PDB file of N, CA and C in Angstrom:
ATOM      1  N   UNK A   1      11.152   0.427 -25.241  1.00  0.00           N
ATOM      2  CA  UNK A   1      11.491   0.227 -24.037  1.00  0.00           C
ATOM      3  C   UNK A   1      12.815  -0.094 -23.607  1.00  0.00           C
ATOM      4  N   UNK A   2      13.194   0.375 -22.544  1.00  0.00           N
ATOM      5  CA  UNK A   2      14.503   0.447 -21.749  1.00  0.00           C
ATOM      6  C   UNK A   2      14.781  -0.920 -21.288  1.00  0.00           C
ATOM      7  N   UNK A   3      16.102  -1.001 -20.948  1.00  0.00           N
ATOM      8  CA  UNK A   3      16.459  -2.598 -20.482  1.00  0.00           C
ATOM      9  C   UNK A   3      17.121  -2.026 -19.095  1.00  0.00           C
ATOM     10  N   UNK A   4      16.607  -2.644 -18.006  1.00  0.00           N
ATOM     11  CA  UNK A   4      17.386  -2.420 -16.633  1.00  0.00           C
ATOM     12  C   UNK A   4      17.876  -3.850 -16.297  1.00  0.00           C
ATOM     13  N   UNK A   5      19.155  -3.822 -15.568  1.00  0.00           N
ATOM     14  CA  UNK A   5      19.549  -4.943 -15.293  1.00  0.00           C
ATOM     15  C   UNK A   5      19.430  -5.082 -13.563  1.00  0.00           C
ATOM     16  N   UNK A   6      18.831  -6.213 -13.224  1.00  0.00           N
ATOM     17  CA  UNK A   6      18.826  -6.265 -11.595  1.00  0.00           C
ATOM     18  C   UNK A   6      19.349  -7.555 -11.145  1.00  0.00           C
ATOM     19  N   UNK A   7      20.060  -7.559  -9.888  1.00  0.00           N
ATOM     20  CA  UNK A   7      20.225  -8.741  -9.262  1.00  0.00           C
ATOM     21  C   UNK A   7      19.143  -9.195  -8.285  1.00  0.00           C
ATOM     22  N   UNK A   8      19.094 -10.528  -8.451  1.00  0.00           N
ATOM     23  CA  UNK A   8      17.874 -11.021  -7.546  1.00  0.00           C
ATOM     24  C   UNK A   8      18.525 -11.866  -6.443  1.00  0.00           C
ATOM     25  N   UNK A   9      18.014 -12.266  -5.513  1.00  0.00           N
ATOM     26  CA  UNK A   9      18.327 -13.434  -4.428  1.00  0.00           C
ATOM     27  C   UNK A   9      18.294 -14.487  -5.221  1.00  0.00           C
ATOM     28  N   UNK A  10      18.991 -15.579  -5.102  1.00  0.00           N
ATOM     29  CA  UNK A  10      18.933 -16.887  -5.748  1.00  0.00           C
ATOM     30  C   UNK A  10      17.528 -17.522  -5.561  1.00  0.00           C
ATOM     31  N   UNK A  11      16.762 -17.472  -4.782  1.00  0.00           N
ATOM     32  CA  UNK A  11      15.218 -18.211  -4.691  1.00  0.00           C
ATOM     33  C   UNK A  11      14.701 -17.305  -5.185  1.00  0.00           C
ATOM     34  N   UNK A  12      14.419 -16.134  -5.617  1.00  0.00           N
ATOM     35  CA  UNK A  12      13.419 -15.458  -6.310  1.00  0.00           C
ATOM     36  C   UNK A  12      13.894 -15.793  -8.082  1.00  0.00           C
ATOM     37  N   UNK A  13      15.203 -15.837  -8.092  1.00  0.00           N
ATOM     38  CA  UNK A  13      15.844 -16.105  -9.693  1.00  0.00           C
ATOM     39  C   UNK A  13      14.842 -17.562  -9.977  1.00  0.00           C
ATOM     40  N   UNK A  14      15.251 -18.616  -8.975  1.00  0.00           N
ATOM     41  CA  UNK A  14      14.570 -19.882  -9.169  1.00  0.00           C
ATOM     42  C   UNK A  14      13.026 -19.768  -9.325  1.00  0.00           C
ATOM     43  N   UNK A  15      12.536 -19.005  -8.482  1.00  0.00           N
ATOM     44  CA  UNK A  15      11.012 -18.676  -8.432  1.00  0.00           C
ATOM     45  C   UNK A  15      10.821 -18.500  -9.965  1.00  0.00           C
ATOM     46  N   UNK A  16      11.410 -17.444 -10.298  1.00  0.00           N
ATOM     47  CA  UNK A  16      10.938 -16.803 -11.869  1.00  0.00           C
ATOM     48  C   UNK A  16      11.243 -17.950 -12.898  1.00  0.00           C
ATOM     49  N   UNK A  17      12.314 -18.421 -12.761  1.00  0.00           N
ATOM     50  CA  UNK A  17      12.467 -19.469 -13.841  1.00  0.00           C
ATOM     51  C   UNK A  17      11.562 -20.621 -13.945  1.00  0.00           C
ATOM     52  N   UNK A  18      10.942 -21.025 -12.459  1.00  0.00           N
ATOM     53  CA  UNK A  18      10.037 -21.898 -12.530  1.00  0.00           C
ATOM     54  C   UNK A  18       8.617 -21.601 -13.301  1.00  0.00           C
ATOM     55  N   UNK A  19       8.484 -20.295 -13.214  1.00  0.00           N
ATOM     56  CA  UNK A  19       7.103 -19.536 -13.625  1.00  0.00           C
ATOM     57  C   UNK A  19       7.340 -20.024 -15.186  1.00  0.00           C
ATOM     58  N   UNK A  20       8.464 -19.623 -15.773  1.00  0.00           N
ATOM     59  CA  UNK A  20       8.811 -19.653 -17.021  1.00  0.00           C
ATOM     60  C   UNK A  20       8.624 -21.366 -17.685  1.00  0.00           C
ATOM     61  N   UNK A  21       9.417 -22.230 -16.854  1.00  0.00           N
ATOM     62  CA  UNK A  21       9.291 -23.412 -17.118  1.00  0.00           C
ATOM     63  C   UNK A  21       7.977 -24.073 -17.277  1.00  0.00           C
ATOM     64  N   UNK A  22       6.950 -23.439 -16.081  1.00  0.00           N
ATOM     65  CA  UNK A  22       5.624 -24.190 -16.135  1.00  0.00           C
ATOM     66  C   UNK A  22       4.613 -23.220 -17.398  1.00  0.00           C
ATOM     67  N   UNK A  23       5.440 -22.474 -18.093  1.00  0.00           N
ATOM     68  CA  UNK A  23       4.513 -21.847 -19.178  1.00  0.00           C
ATOM     69  C   UNK A  23       3.809 -20.705 -18.782  1.00  0.00           C
ATOM     70  N   UNK A  24       3.907 -20.093 -17.687  1.00  0.00           N
ATOM     71  CA  UNK A  24       3.232 -19.124 -17.224  1.00  0.00           C
ATOM     72  C   UNK A  24       3.521 -17.728 -17.881  1.00  0.00           C
ATOM     73  N   UNK A  25       5.041 -17.564 -18.324  1.00  0.00           N
ATOM     74  CA  UNK A  25       5.548 -16.494 -18.928  1.00  0.00           C
ATOM     75  C   UNK A  25       6.488 -17.187 -20.041  1.00  0.00           C
ATOM     76  N   UNK A  26       6.734 -16.018 -20.991  1.00  0.00           N
ATOM     77  CA  UNK A  26       7.781 -16.627 -22.217  1.00  0.00           C
ATOM     78  C   UNK A  26       9.018 -16.108 -21.772  1.00  0.00           C
ATOM     79  N   UNK A  27       9.270 -15.719 -20.798  1.00  0.00           N
ATOM     80  CA  UNK A  27      10.643 -15.279 -20.448  1.00  0.00           C
ATOM     81  C   UNK A  27      10.798 -14.756 -18.816  1.00  0.00           C
ATOM     82  N   UNK A  28      11.714 -14.849 -18.301  1.00  0.00           N
ATOM     83  CA  UNK A  28      11.826 -14.060 -16.876  1.00  0.00           C
ATOM     84  C   UNK A  28      11.535 -12.541 -16.945  1.00  0.00           C
ATOM     85  N   UNK A  29      11.888 -11.989 -17.816  1.00  0.00           N
ATOM     86  CA  UNK A  29      11.887 -10.657 -18.179  1.00  0.00           C
ATOM     87  C   UNK A  29      10.383 -10.320 -18.208  1.00  0.00           C
ATOM     88  N   UNK A  30       9.453 -11.107 -18.719  1.00  0.00           N
ATOM     89  CA  UNK A  30       8.274 -11.139 -18.857  1.00  0.00           C
ATOM     90  C   UNK A  30       7.237 -11.316 -17.418  1.00  0.00           C
ATOM     91  N   UNK A  31       8.090 -12.133 -16.824  1.00  0.00           N
ATOM     92  CA  UNK A  31       7.195 -12.325 -15.310  1.00  0.00           C
ATOM     93  C   UNK A  31       7.816 -11.116 -14.534  1.00  0.00           C
ATOM     94  N   UNK A  32       8.985 -10.625 -14.650  1.00  0.00           N
ATOM     95  CA  UNK A  32       9.202  -9.315 -14.201  1.00  0.00           C
ATOM     96  C   UNK A  32       8.294  -8.349 -14.210  1.00  0.00           C
ATOM     97  N   UNK A  33       7.965  -8.063 -15.468  1.00  0.00           N
ATOM     98  CA  UNK A  33       7.383  -7.289 -15.893  1.00  0.00           C
ATOM     99  C   UNK A  33       5.781  -7.166 -15.690  1.00  0.00           C
ATOM    100  N   UNK A  34       5.533  -8.344 -15.635  1.00  0.00           N
ATOM    101  CA  UNK A  34       3.963  -8.554 -14.844  1.00  0.00           C
ATOM    102  C   UNK A  34       3.919  -8.262 -13.419  1.00  0.00           C
ATOM    103  N   UNK A  35       4.853  -8.443 -13.017  1.00  0.00           N
ATOM    104  CA  UNK A  35       4.918  -8.251 -11.101  1.00  0.00           C
ATOM    105  C   UNK A  35       4.923  -6.723 -11.073  1.00  0.00           C
ATOM    106  N   UNK A  36       6.016  -6.030 -12.053  1.00  0.00           N
ATOM    107  CA  UNK A  36       5.902  -4.721 -11.468  1.00  0.00           C
ATOM    108  C   UNK A  36       4.569  -4.029 -12.167  1.00  0.00           C
ATOM    109  N   UNK A  37       4.107  -4.403 -13.298  1.00  0.00           N
ATOM    110  CA  UNK A  37       2.414  -4.047 -13.810  1.00  0.00           C
ATOM    111  C   UNK A  37       1.661  -4.100 -12.592  1.00  0.00           C
ATOM    112  N   UNK A  38       1.427  -5.316 -11.928  1.00  0.00           N
ATOM    113  CA  UNK A  38       0.602  -5.473 -10.983  1.00  0.00           C
ATOM    114  C   UNK A  38       0.664  -4.419  -9.755  1.00  0.00           C
ATOM    115  N   UNK A  39       1.868  -4.311  -9.368  1.00  0.00           N
ATOM    116  CA  UNK A  39       1.964  -3.353  -8.130  1.00  0.00           C
ATOM    117  C   UNK A  39       1.845  -2.083  -8.746  1.00  0.00           C
ATOM    118  N   UNK A  40       2.250  -1.609  -9.896  1.00  0.00           N
ATOM    119  CA  UNK A  40       1.741  -0.486 -10.614  1.00  0.00           C
ATOM    120  C   UNK A  40       0.342  -0.407 -10.500  1.00  0.00           C
ATOM    121  N   UNK A  41      -0.426  -1.218 -10.924  1.00  0.00           N
ATOM    122  CA  UNK A  41      -1.907  -1.046 -10.997  1.00  0.00           C
ATOM    123  C   UNK A  41      -2.321  -0.777  -9.532  1.00  0.00           C
ATOM    124  N   UNK A  42      -1.927  -1.666  -8.771  1.00  0.00           N
ATOM    125  CA  UNK A  42      -2.360  -1.986  -7.396  1.00  0.00           C
ATOM    126  C   UNK A  42      -2.198  -0.554  -6.481  1.00  0.00           C
ATOM    127  N   UNK A  43      -1.264   0.479  -7.009  1.00  0.00           N
ATOM    128  CA  UNK A  43      -0.784   1.745  -6.400  1.00  0.00           C
ATOM    129  C   UNK A  43      -2.480   2.413  -6.749  1.00  0.00           C
ATOM    130  N   UNK A  44      -3.211   2.348  -7.379  1.00  0.00           N
ATOM    131  CA  UNK A  44      -4.293   3.241  -7.819  1.00  0.00           C
ATOM    132  C   UNK A  44      -5.085   2.863  -6.703  1.00  0.00           C
ATOM    133  N   UNK A  45      -5.449   1.620  -6.789  1.00  0.00           N
ATOM    134  CA  UNK A  45      -6.501   1.099  -5.633  1.00  0.00           C
ATOM    135  C   UNK A  45      -6.219   1.168  -4.204  1.00  0.00           C
ATOM    136  N   UNK A  46      -4.724   1.368  -3.919  1.00  0.00           N
ATOM    137  CA  UNK A  46      -4.649   1.845  -2.628  1.00  0.00           C
ATOM    138  C   UNK A  46      -4.718   3.145  -2.548  1.00  0.00           C
ATOM    139  N   UNK A  47      -4.401   4.030  -3.607  1.00  0.00           N
ATOM    140  CA  UNK A  47      -4.595   5.430  -3.101  1.00  0.00           C
ATOM    141  C   UNK A  47      -6.281   5.406  -2.901  1.00  0.00           C
ATOM    142  N   UNK A  48      -6.996   5.114  -4.136  1.00  0.00           N
ATOM    143  CA  UNK A  48      -8.659   5.167  -3.569  1.00  0.00           C
ATOM    144  C   UNK A  48      -9.176   4.524  -2.387  1.00  0.00           C
ATOM    145  N   UNK A  49      -8.367   3.555  -1.923  1.00  0.00           N
ATOM    146  CA  UNK A  49      -8.735   3.151  -0.618  1.00  0.00           C
ATOM    147  C   UNK A  49      -8.600   4.030   0.437  1.00  0.00           C
ATOM    148  N   UNK A  50      -7.304   5.048   0.436  1.00  0.00           N
ATOM    149  CA  UNK A  50      -6.972   5.914   1.625  1.00  0.00           C
ATOM    150  C   UNK A  50      -8.178   7.050   1.373  1.00  0.00           C
ATOM    151  N   UNK A  51      -8.269   7.396   0.092  1.00  0.00           N
ATOM    152  CA  UNK A  51      -9.032   8.780  -0.278  1.00  0.00           C
ATOM    153  C   UNK A  51     -10.360   8.312   0.578  1.00  0.00           C
ATOM    154  N   UNK A  52     -11.060   6.890   0.132  1.00  0.00           N
ATOM    155  CA  UNK A  52     -12.197   6.620   0.828  1.00  0.00           C
ATOM    156  C   UNK A  52     -12.121   6.560   2.187  1.00  0.00           C
ATOM    157  N   UNK A  53     -11.263   6.188   2.958  1.00  0.00           N
ATOM    158  CA  UNK A  53     -11.141   6.218   4.216  1.00  0.00           C
ATOM    159  C   UNK A  53     -11.204   7.885   4.874  1.00  0.00           C
ATOM    160  N   UNK A  54     -10.685   8.662   4.055  1.00  0.00           N
ATOM    161  CA  UNK A  54     -10.625   9.964   4.572  1.00  0.00           C
ATOM    162  C   UNK A  54     -11.596  10.744   4.155  1.00  0.00           C
ATOM    163  N   UNK A  55     -12.622  10.287   3.398  1.00  0.00           N
ATOM    164  CA  UNK A  55     -13.772  11.260   2.840  1.00  0.00           C
ATOM    165  C   UNK A  55     -14.745  11.390   4.096  1.00  0.00           C
ATOM    166  N   UNK A  56     -15.001  10.631   4.990  1.00  0.00           N
ATOM    167  CA  UNK A  56     -15.919  11.096   6.160  1.00  0.00           C
ATOM    168  C   UNK A  56     -15.362  12.004   7.033  1.00  0.00           C
ATOM    169  N   UNK A  57     -14.175  12.057   7.214  1.00  0.00           N
ATOM    170  CA  UNK A  57     -13.480  12.861   7.925  1.00  0.00           C
ATOM    171  C   UNK A  57     -13.399  14.264   7.535  1.00  0.00           C
ATOM    172  N   UNK A  58     -12.895  14.376   6.285  1.00  0.00           N
ATOM    173  CA  UNK A  58     -13.078  15.711   5.329  1.00  0.00           C
ATOM    174  C   UNK A  58     -14.564  16.200   5.157  1.00  0.00           C
ATOM    175  N   UNK A  59     -15.182  15.265   4.839  1.00  0.00           N
ATOM    176  CA  UNK A  59     -16.711  15.882   5.049  1.00  0.00           C
ATOM    177  C   UNK A  59     -17.085  16.711   6.232  1.00  0.00           C
ATOM    178  N   UNK A  60     -16.905  15.788   7.613  1.00  0.00           N
ATOM    179  CA  UNK A  60     -16.922  16.631   8.890  1.00  0.00           C
ATOM    180  C   UNK A  60     -16.118  17.771   8.812  1.00  0.00           C
ATOM    181  N   UNK A  61     -15.178  17.862   8.477  1.00  0.00           N
ATOM    182  CA  UNK A  61     -14.217  19.274   8.474  1.00  0.00           C
ATOM    183  C   UNK A  61     -15.273  20.204   7.703  1.00  0.00           C
ATOM    184  N   UNK A  62     -15.442  19.942   6.479  1.00  0.00           N
ATOM    185  CA  UNK A  62     -16.082  20.722   5.645  1.00  0.00           C
ATOM    186  C   UNK A  62     -17.597  21.617   6.331  1.00  0.00           C
ATOM    187  N   UNK A  63     -18.123  20.549   6.952  1.00  0.00           N
ATOM    188  CA  UNK A  63     -19.561  20.743   7.642  1.00  0.00           C
ATOM    189  C   UNK A  63     -19.346  21.150   9.089  1.00  0.00           C
ATOM    190  N   UNK A  64     -17.881  21.688   9.307  1.00  0.00           N
ATOM    191  CA  UNK A  64     -17.850  22.077  10.972  1.00  0.00           C
ATOM    192  C   UNK A  64     -17.779  21.410  11.898  1.00  0.00           C
ATOM    193  N   UNK A  65     -17.997  20.341  11.505  1.00  0.00           N
ATOM    194  CA  UNK A  65     -18.119  19.274  12.853  1.00  0.00           C
ATOM    195  C   UNK A  65     -16.600  18.608  13.146  1.00  0.00           C
ATOM    196  N   UNK A  66     -16.132  19.606  14.026  1.00  0.00           N
ATOM    197  CA  UNK A  66     -14.960  19.558  14.686  1.00  0.00           C
ATOM    198  C   UNK A  66     -14.658  19.947  15.951  1.00  0.00           C
ATOM    199  N   UNK A  67     -13.735  19.451  16.566  1.00  0.00           N
ATOM    200  CA  UNK A  67     -13.487  20.033  18.245  1.00  0.00           C
ATOM    201  C   UNK A  67     -12.114  19.671  18.565  1.00  0.00           C
ATOM    202  N   UNK A  68     -11.592  20.522  19.241  1.00  0.00           N
ATOM    203  CA  UNK A  68      -9.867  20.476  19.552  1.00  0.00           C
ATOM    204  C   UNK A  68      -9.942  19.309  20.396  1.00  0.00           C
ATOM    205  N   UNK A  69      -8.808  18.639  20.315  1.00  0.00           N
ATOM    206  CA  UNK A  69      -8.293  17.687  21.362  1.00  0.00           C
ATOM    207  C   UNK A  69      -7.137  18.103  21.967  1.00  0.00           C
ATOM    208  N   UNK A  70      -6.713  17.760  23.060  1.00  0.00           N
ATOM    209  CA  UNK A  70      -5.594  17.815  23.873  1.00  0.00           C
ATOM    210  C   UNK A  70      -4.460  16.606  23.227  1.00  0.00           C
ATOM    211  N   UNK A  71      -3.418  16.732  23.338  1.00  0.00           N
ATOM    212  CA  UNK A  71      -2.652  15.533  22.979  1.00  0.00           C
ATOM    213  C   UNK A  71      -2.944  14.521  23.956  1.00  0.00           C
ATOM    214  N   UNK A  72      -3.110  14.277  25.065  1.00  0.00           N
ATOM    215  CA  UNK A  72      -3.598  13.015  25.890  1.00  0.00           C
ATOM    216  C   UNK A  72      -4.540  12.524  25.572  1.00  0.00           C
ATOM    217  N   UNK A  73      -5.753  13.391  24.906  1.00  0.00           N
ATOM    218  CA  UNK A  73      -7.057  13.003  24.482  1.00  0.00           C
ATOM    219  C   UNK A  73      -6.616  12.191  22.936  1.00  0.00           C
ATOM    220  N   UNK A  74      -5.891  12.723  22.440  1.00  0.00           N
ATOM    221  CA  UNK A  74      -5.604  11.897  21.000  1.00  0.00           C
ATOM    222  C   UNK A  74      -4.954  10.495  21.080  1.00  0.00           C
ATOM    223  N   UNK A  75      -4.071  10.995  22.153  1.00  0.00           N
ATOM    224  CA  UNK A  75      -3.105   9.573  22.497  1.00  0.00           C
ATOM    225  C   UNK A  75      -3.942   8.332  22.843  1.00  0.00           C
ATOM    226  N   UNK A  76      -5.172   8.812  23.787  1.00  0.00           N
ATOM    227  CA  UNK A  76      -6.033   8.296  24.596  1.00  0.00           C
ATOM    228  C   UNK A  76      -6.660   7.378  23.550  1.00  0.00           C
ATOM    229  N   UNK A  77      -7.161   7.998  22.589  1.00  0.00           N
ATOM    230  CA  UNK A  77      -8.194   7.605  21.541  1.00  0.00           C
ATOM    231  C   UNK A  77      -7.408   6.567  20.619  1.00  0.00           C
ATOM    232  N   UNK A  78      -6.256   6.993  20.216  1.00  0.00           N
ATOM    233  CA  UNK A  78      -5.393   6.011  19.463  1.00  0.00           C
ATOM    234  C   UNK A  78      -5.285   4.916  20.163  1.00  0.00           C
ATOM    235  N   UNK A  79      -5.165   4.801  21.405  1.00  0.00           N
ATOM    236  CA  UNK A  79      -4.623   3.619  22.283  1.00  0.00           C
ATOM    237  C   UNK A  79      -6.001   3.052  22.585  1.00  0.00           C
ATOM    238  N   UNK A  80      -7.389   3.473  22.474  1.00  0.00           N
ATOM    239  CA  UNK A  80      -8.497   2.610  22.541  1.00  0.00           C
ATOM    240  C   UNK A  80      -8.837   2.958  24.199  1.00  0.00           C
ATOM    241  N   UNK A  81      -8.427   3.997  24.970  1.00  0.00           N
ATOM    242  CA  UNK A  81      -8.677   4.248  26.214  1.00  0.00           C
ATOM    243  C   UNK A  81      -9.309   5.572  26.436  1.00  0.00           C
ATOM    244  N   UNK A  82      -9.297   5.878  27.673  1.00  0.00           N
ATOM    245  CA  UNK A  82      -9.887   6.974  28.371  1.00  0.00           C
ATOM    246  C   UNK A  82      -8.482   7.773  28.501  1.00  0.00           C
ATOM    247  N   UNK A  83      -8.400   9.239  28.477  1.00  0.00           N
ATOM    248  CA  UNK A  83      -7.446  10.061  28.515  1.00  0.00           C
ATOM    249  C   UNK A  83      -6.823  10.086  30.042  1.00  0.00           C
ATOM    250  N   UNK A  84      -5.576  10.138  30.374  1.00  0.00           N
ATOM    251  CA  UNK A  84      -5.063  10.420  31.817  1.00  0.00           C
ATOM    252  C   UNK A  84      -5.393  11.639  32.404  1.00  0.00           C
ATOM    253  N   UNK A  85      -5.985  11.422  33.745  1.00  0.00           N
ATOM    254  CA  UNK A  85      -6.511  12.858  34.657  1.00  0.00           C
ATOM    255  C   UNK A  85      -5.329  13.168  34.992  1.00  0.00           C
ATOM    256  N   UNK A  86      -5.164  14.648  35.379  1.00  0.00           N
ATOM    257  CA  UNK A  86      -4.192  15.005  36.323  1.00  0.00           C
ATOM    258  C   UNK A  86      -4.622  15.237  37.787  1.00  0.00           C
TER     259      UNK A  86
END
């Protein structure tokens, strides 16, 4: 295992020390490792959520259910309204 030195804001340092004092972790290093591991594990969950959100659109593309939109139509759809008419 490698060693990394970091500087923390005092409030974060105090928080980590309080976690150790409360018996939740054996050391500040363990608390930090736990936080990093949760973030690392959560990345897979976020990626899967993005894939799931994209799946219906990708299925439509593969099935040929597409149509071209103008920039105005795209922007209007993003804003929740009707496209501006010239």
